[in-house]
Protein backbone atom coordinates (compact mmCIF):
# COMPACT_ATOMS: atom_id res chain seq x y z
CA MET A 1 -8.49 1.81 -35.35
CA PRO A 2 -8.75 2.94 -31.70
CA ASN A 3 -8.38 6.63 -30.99
CA ALA A 4 -5.10 6.98 -29.08
CA GLN A 5 -6.54 9.86 -27.06
CA PHE A 6 -8.90 7.43 -25.32
CA TYR A 7 -5.96 6.37 -23.16
CA ILE A 8 -6.81 9.26 -20.79
CA GLY A 9 -10.32 7.93 -20.24
CA HIS A 10 -9.07 4.37 -19.76
CA PHE A 11 -6.47 5.61 -17.28
CA ASN A 12 -8.90 7.55 -15.12
CA ARG A 13 -11.57 4.88 -15.24
CA GLY A 14 -8.98 2.26 -14.31
CA SER A 15 -7.94 4.41 -11.38
CA GLY A 16 -11.57 4.56 -10.26
CA TYR A 17 -11.92 0.80 -10.51
CA ARG A 18 -8.77 0.38 -8.46
CA ARG A 19 -9.97 2.69 -5.73
CA ALA A 20 -13.17 0.61 -5.61
CA GLY A 21 -11.16 -2.61 -5.28
CA GLU A 22 -12.17 -3.90 -8.73
CA PHE A 23 -8.62 -4.82 -9.66
CA ARG A 24 -9.28 -7.03 -12.68
CA LYS A 25 -11.42 -4.34 -14.30
CA ALA A 26 -8.70 -1.81 -13.53
CA LEU A 27 -6.14 -4.10 -15.14
CA VAL A 28 -8.18 -4.27 -18.35
CA ASP A 29 -8.18 -0.47 -18.61
CA PHE A 30 -4.48 -0.11 -17.82
CA GLN A 31 -3.63 -2.78 -20.39
CA LYS A 32 -5.44 -0.60 -22.94
CA VAL A 33 -3.57 2.49 -21.75
CA VAL A 34 -0.21 0.81 -22.35
CA ALA A 35 -1.35 -0.44 -25.75
CA LEU A 36 -2.64 2.99 -26.83
CA LYS A 37 0.22 5.03 -25.34
CA PRO A 38 3.29 2.78 -25.00
CA ARG A 39 5.59 5.60 -23.88
CA PHE A 40 3.26 6.86 -21.15
CA ALA A 41 5.17 6.24 -17.92
CA ARG A 42 2.16 6.46 -15.62
CA GLY A 43 0.41 3.75 -17.58
CA TYR A 44 3.11 1.26 -16.62
CA HIS A 45 3.15 2.65 -13.08
CA ALA A 46 -0.60 2.18 -12.70
CA ARG A 47 -0.57 -1.30 -14.23
CA GLY A 48 2.28 -2.29 -11.95
CA LEU A 49 0.31 -1.22 -8.88
CA VAL A 50 -2.69 -3.28 -9.99
CA TYR A 51 -0.47 -6.32 -10.53
CA ALA A 52 0.72 -5.77 -6.96
CA ASP A 53 -2.90 -5.48 -5.79
CA LEU A 54 -3.44 -8.89 -7.36
CA GLY A 55 -0.35 -10.29 -5.61
CA LYS A 56 1.69 -10.60 -8.82
CA LEU A 57 4.99 -8.99 -7.85
CA ASP A 58 6.78 -10.77 -10.70
CA LYS A 59 4.74 -8.64 -13.11
CA ALA A 60 4.50 -5.53 -10.96
CA LEU A 61 8.22 -4.79 -10.62
CA PRO A 62 9.02 -4.85 -14.37
CA ASP A 63 6.22 -2.33 -14.96
CA LEU A 64 7.64 -0.03 -12.27
CA ASP A 65 11.08 -0.42 -13.83
CA GLN A 66 9.66 0.62 -17.20
CA ALA A 67 7.80 3.58 -15.67
CA ILE A 68 11.05 4.85 -14.18
CA LYS A 69 12.94 4.25 -17.42
CA LEU A 70 10.41 6.43 -19.27
CA ASN A 71 10.30 9.17 -16.61
CA ARG A 72 13.17 9.36 -14.14
CA GLU A 73 11.79 12.54 -12.53
CA ASP A 74 8.65 10.99 -11.03
CA TRP A 75 9.22 10.53 -7.31
CA SER A 76 6.03 8.50 -6.92
CA ALA A 77 7.30 5.69 -9.18
CA TYR A 78 10.42 5.29 -7.02
CA TYR A 79 8.21 5.31 -3.92
CA SER A 80 5.95 2.62 -5.34
CA ARG A 81 8.90 0.47 -6.37
CA ALA A 82 10.35 0.84 -2.88
CA THR A 83 7.06 -0.45 -1.46
CA LEU A 84 7.26 -3.53 -3.69
CA ARG A 85 10.92 -4.11 -2.89
CA ARG A 86 10.14 -3.92 0.81
CA ALA A 87 7.47 -6.59 0.31
CA GLU A 88 10.14 -8.80 -1.28
CA GLY A 89 12.59 -8.14 1.56
CA ASP A 90 15.01 -6.26 -0.70
CA TYR A 91 15.55 -3.53 1.88
CA GLU A 92 18.71 -1.93 0.51
CA ALA A 93 17.23 -1.49 -2.96
CA ALA A 94 14.05 -0.10 -1.38
CA LEU A 95 16.06 2.43 0.64
CA GLN A 96 17.92 3.51 -2.48
CA ASP A 97 14.62 4.12 -4.26
CA LEU A 98 13.40 6.16 -1.31
CA LYS A 99 16.57 8.25 -1.38
CA THR A 100 15.90 9.08 -5.03
CA ALA A 101 12.23 9.83 -4.27
CA ASP A 102 13.27 12.11 -1.40
CA ASP A 103 15.77 13.94 -3.61
CA LEU A 104 12.99 14.56 -6.15
CA ASN A 105 10.33 15.55 -3.61
CA PRO A 106 11.78 16.22 -0.12
CA SER A 107 8.47 17.52 1.24
CA MET A 108 6.65 14.17 1.18
CA LYS A 109 6.50 12.80 4.73
CA GLU A 110 5.23 9.46 3.41
CA ILE A 111 8.72 8.79 2.05
CA GLY A 112 10.19 9.15 5.52
CA LEU A 113 7.49 6.91 7.01
CA LEU A 114 8.20 4.10 4.58
CA ARG A 115 11.92 4.49 5.22
CA ALA A 116 11.28 4.23 8.96
CA MET A 117 9.24 1.06 8.50
CA ILE A 118 12.07 -0.50 6.51
CA PHE A 119 14.50 0.34 9.30
CA ALA A 120 12.08 -1.32 11.72
CA ASP A 121 11.92 -4.39 9.44
CA LYS A 122 15.72 -4.56 9.63
CA GLY A 123 15.64 -4.36 13.43
CA ALA A 124 16.88 -0.77 13.69
CA VAL A 125 13.91 0.28 15.79
CA THR A 126 15.69 3.18 17.48
CA VAL A 127 16.43 4.76 14.11
CA ALA A 128 12.89 4.06 12.94
CA ARG A 129 11.32 5.61 16.03
CA ALA A 130 13.50 8.73 15.76
CA GLU A 131 12.50 9.27 12.13
CA ILE A 132 8.79 8.86 12.86
CA ASN A 133 8.96 11.17 15.88
CA LYS A 134 10.62 13.79 13.70
CA ILE A 135 7.84 13.55 11.13
CA ILE A 136 5.12 13.82 13.78
CA SER A 137 6.80 16.74 15.56
CA ASN A 138 7.03 18.57 12.23
CA GLY A 139 3.27 18.46 11.77
CA GLY A 140 2.96 15.05 10.14
CA GLY A 141 0.79 13.48 12.81
CA ASN A 142 -1.65 11.62 10.59
CA ALA A 143 -3.08 8.10 10.83
CA SER A 144 -0.19 6.56 8.90
CA SER A 145 2.51 8.12 11.08
CA TYR A 146 0.79 7.12 14.34
CA TYR A 147 0.34 3.60 13.01
CA ALA A 148 3.99 3.40 11.98
CA ARG A 149 5.12 4.49 15.45
CA ALA A 150 2.75 1.94 16.99
CA GLU A 151 4.35 -0.83 14.94
CA VAL A 152 7.76 0.16 16.26
CA ALA A 153 6.49 0.27 19.85
CA PHE A 154 4.89 -3.17 19.40
CA ALA A 155 8.19 -4.58 18.18
CA GLU A 156 9.76 -3.28 21.38
CA ASP A 157 6.97 -4.81 23.54
CA ARG A 158 5.82 -1.32 24.58
CA PHE A 159 2.17 -2.21 24.26
CA ASP A 160 0.75 0.80 26.13
CA ALA A 161 2.57 3.21 23.81
CA ALA A 162 1.50 1.22 20.76
CA GLU A 163 -2.15 1.22 21.87
CA GLU A 164 -2.09 4.97 22.49
CA ASP A 165 -0.82 5.65 18.96
CA LEU A 166 -3.29 3.19 17.44
CA ASP A 167 -6.14 5.01 19.18
CA LYS A 168 -4.93 8.21 17.50
CA ALA A 169 -4.65 6.51 14.11
CA LEU A 170 -8.13 4.97 14.34
CA LYS A 171 -9.64 8.24 15.51
CA GLN A 172 -8.46 9.76 12.23
CA SER A 173 -9.21 6.73 10.05
CA SER A 174 -11.72 4.33 11.58
CA ASP A 175 -11.44 1.77 8.73
CA PHE A 176 -7.62 1.51 8.91
CA GLY A 177 -7.31 -2.26 8.60
CA ALA A 178 -3.66 -2.55 9.61
CA ALA A 179 -4.31 -0.52 12.77
CA HIS A 180 -7.20 -2.80 13.75
CA LEU A 181 -4.99 -5.83 13.11
CA LEU A 182 -2.20 -4.51 15.31
CA MET A 183 -4.67 -3.52 18.03
CA GLY A 184 -5.97 -7.07 17.92
CA ARG A 185 -2.46 -8.43 18.39
CA ILE A 186 -1.98 -6.23 21.46
CA LEU A 187 -5.27 -7.36 22.99
CA GLU A 188 -4.45 -10.98 22.20
CA LYS A 189 -1.08 -10.62 23.95
CA ARG A 190 -2.95 -9.32 26.99
CA GLY A 191 -5.36 -12.23 26.99
CA ASP A 192 -8.41 -10.26 25.85
CA THR A 193 -9.66 -12.77 23.29
CA ALA A 194 -13.05 -11.14 22.77
CA GLY A 195 -11.50 -7.73 22.21
CA ALA A 196 -8.91 -9.17 19.83
CA LYS A 197 -11.61 -10.91 17.79
CA ALA A 198 -13.55 -7.67 17.46
CA GLN A 199 -10.48 -5.88 16.12
CA TYR A 200 -9.63 -8.70 13.69
CA GLN A 201 -13.20 -8.65 12.37
CA LYS A 202 -12.87 -4.93 11.68
CA ALA A 203 -9.56 -5.57 9.90
CA VAL A 204 -11.16 -8.23 7.69
CA LYS A 205 -13.98 -5.84 6.73
CA ALA A 206 -11.67 -2.90 6.04
CA PRO A 207 -11.32 -1.65 2.44
CA VAL A 208 -8.82 -3.65 0.39
CA ALA A 209 -6.29 -1.73 -1.68
CA PHE A 210 -2.74 -2.69 -2.55
CA LEU A 211 -0.79 -5.71 -1.39
CA GLU A 212 -0.25 -4.59 2.21
CA SER A 213 -4.00 -4.36 2.78
CA ARG A 214 -4.47 -7.76 1.17
CA SER A 215 -1.95 -9.27 3.58
CA VAL A 216 -3.66 -7.49 6.50
CA THR A 217 -6.98 -9.09 5.57
CA ARG A 218 -5.32 -12.49 5.27
CA GLU A 219 -3.53 -12.26 8.61
CA ALA A 220 -6.61 -10.98 10.42
CA GLN A 221 -8.59 -13.96 9.14
CA GLN A 222 -5.79 -16.29 10.23
CA ARG A 223 -5.90 -14.84 13.74
CA LEU A 224 -9.68 -15.24 13.87
CA ASP A 225 -9.36 -18.86 12.78
CA ALA A 226 -6.64 -19.48 15.37
CA LEU A 227 -8.82 -18.09 18.17
CA GLU A 228 -11.70 -20.42 17.38
CA PRO A 229 -11.98 -23.53 19.59
CA GLY A 230 -9.47 -26.05 18.27
CA GLY A 231 -7.91 -23.48 15.94
CA ALA A 232 -4.20 -23.74 15.25
CA ASP A 233 -1.96 -20.71 15.76
CA ARG A 234 -0.62 -20.58 12.23
CA ASN A 235 0.99 -17.17 12.33
CA ASP A 236 2.40 -15.71 15.53
CA GLY A 237 4.37 -12.94 13.82
CA VAL A 238 3.39 -9.36 13.22
CA LYS A 239 4.07 -9.17 9.49
CA SER A 240 2.57 -11.26 6.71
CA THR A 241 3.84 -12.18 3.30
CA PRO A 242 1.54 -11.01 0.52
CA VAL A 243 -0.09 -13.93 -1.28
CA ALA A 244 -0.34 -14.24 -5.05
CA SER A 245 -3.81 -15.73 -5.05
CA ALA A 246 -5.54 -14.02 -7.97
CA SER A 247 -5.88 -15.65 -11.34
CA ASP A 248 -4.82 -14.14 -14.65
CA ASP A 249 -8.43 -13.83 -15.76
CA GLU A 250 -9.38 -10.34 -16.85
CA THR A 251 -12.93 -9.02 -16.63
CA THR A 252 -13.96 -7.00 -19.66
CA ALA A 253 -14.99 -3.45 -18.81
CA THR A 254 -18.24 -2.36 -20.40
CA VAL A 255 -18.39 1.41 -19.83
CA ARG A 256 -17.04 3.42 -22.75
CA PRO A 257 -14.37 5.84 -21.47
CA LYS A 258 -14.54 9.53 -22.16
CA MET A 259 -11.55 11.30 -23.62
CA GLY A 260 -11.00 13.28 -20.41
CA SER A 261 -9.59 16.74 -19.84
CA GLY A 262 -5.90 15.93 -20.16
CA GLU A 263 -5.35 15.21 -16.45
CA CYS A 264 -4.46 11.73 -15.20
CA ARG A 265 -4.90 10.67 -11.58
CA LEU A 266 -2.87 7.92 -9.94
CA TYR A 267 -3.62 6.49 -6.49
CA LEU A 268 -0.43 5.61 -4.60
CA PRO A 269 -0.03 2.59 -2.32
CA THR A 270 0.01 2.89 1.47
CA THR A 271 -0.24 6.69 1.44
CA GLY A 272 -3.83 7.40 0.45
CA LEU A 273 -2.45 10.02 -1.92
CA THR A 274 -3.78 10.68 -5.39
CA VAL A 275 -1.24 12.26 -7.72
CA SER A 276 -2.61 14.35 -10.59
CA THR A 277 -0.41 15.26 -13.53
CA PRO A 278 -0.76 16.06 -17.22
CA CYS A 279 -1.37 12.87 -19.14
CA ASP A 280 1.66 13.30 -21.38
CA GLN A 281 4.12 12.33 -18.62
């Protein structure tokens, strides 16, 4: 009979696989976590994020629901569910999740950034820009915040402002795929085909993690294809819809997990954050 304490090792190894982009191996480990520790909220949270990485939102959202049911005090689960709900276009439900996350952890600027992006998705760009500017002026000027403000500026056809913020974002994070994609769109709008192609190629080669990065890779490849001689412009919008392209096949992990030290680490989507908590939560 499996030792239930091995769930810690499976959890942390699965997190490592996920960070490396080996989503099917990560899924195998998180399946074992849920089987060994069925009331471990972060197990469902982690498995839900991997399902999202694989484009399976129909499986991801129920796992996030279960994670929240088991632990209603974890702001990160509400944040993750808001990210998935945004991807589905369920903006009001996403904003409600972000309100709960903010109530639980008001110091996390990433919550405000995601909220701003949802406002931008809804067309409330003035509100979105004001929220992002507030975050940046309060010391939150990181790659994500500059990218978010660039997206808003792009939506308003303020390409110079968008490019300036993208330069700042890429200076801090040179492999930021979404920033390269948006920079490519700006250059393409200006007629700089060669420059746009170079940015799209960087976006395609950027690390893949979570559904937004998967959609970035897909859109960048579409733009490259469209810019080839005789290529059709198949996607003239800024945003992409994540694609459920992965199969249900699961690769069996071969490394035996260690029991661990009692700390579980969970990598959150879109933020680059790793949350560490005791493994009994």
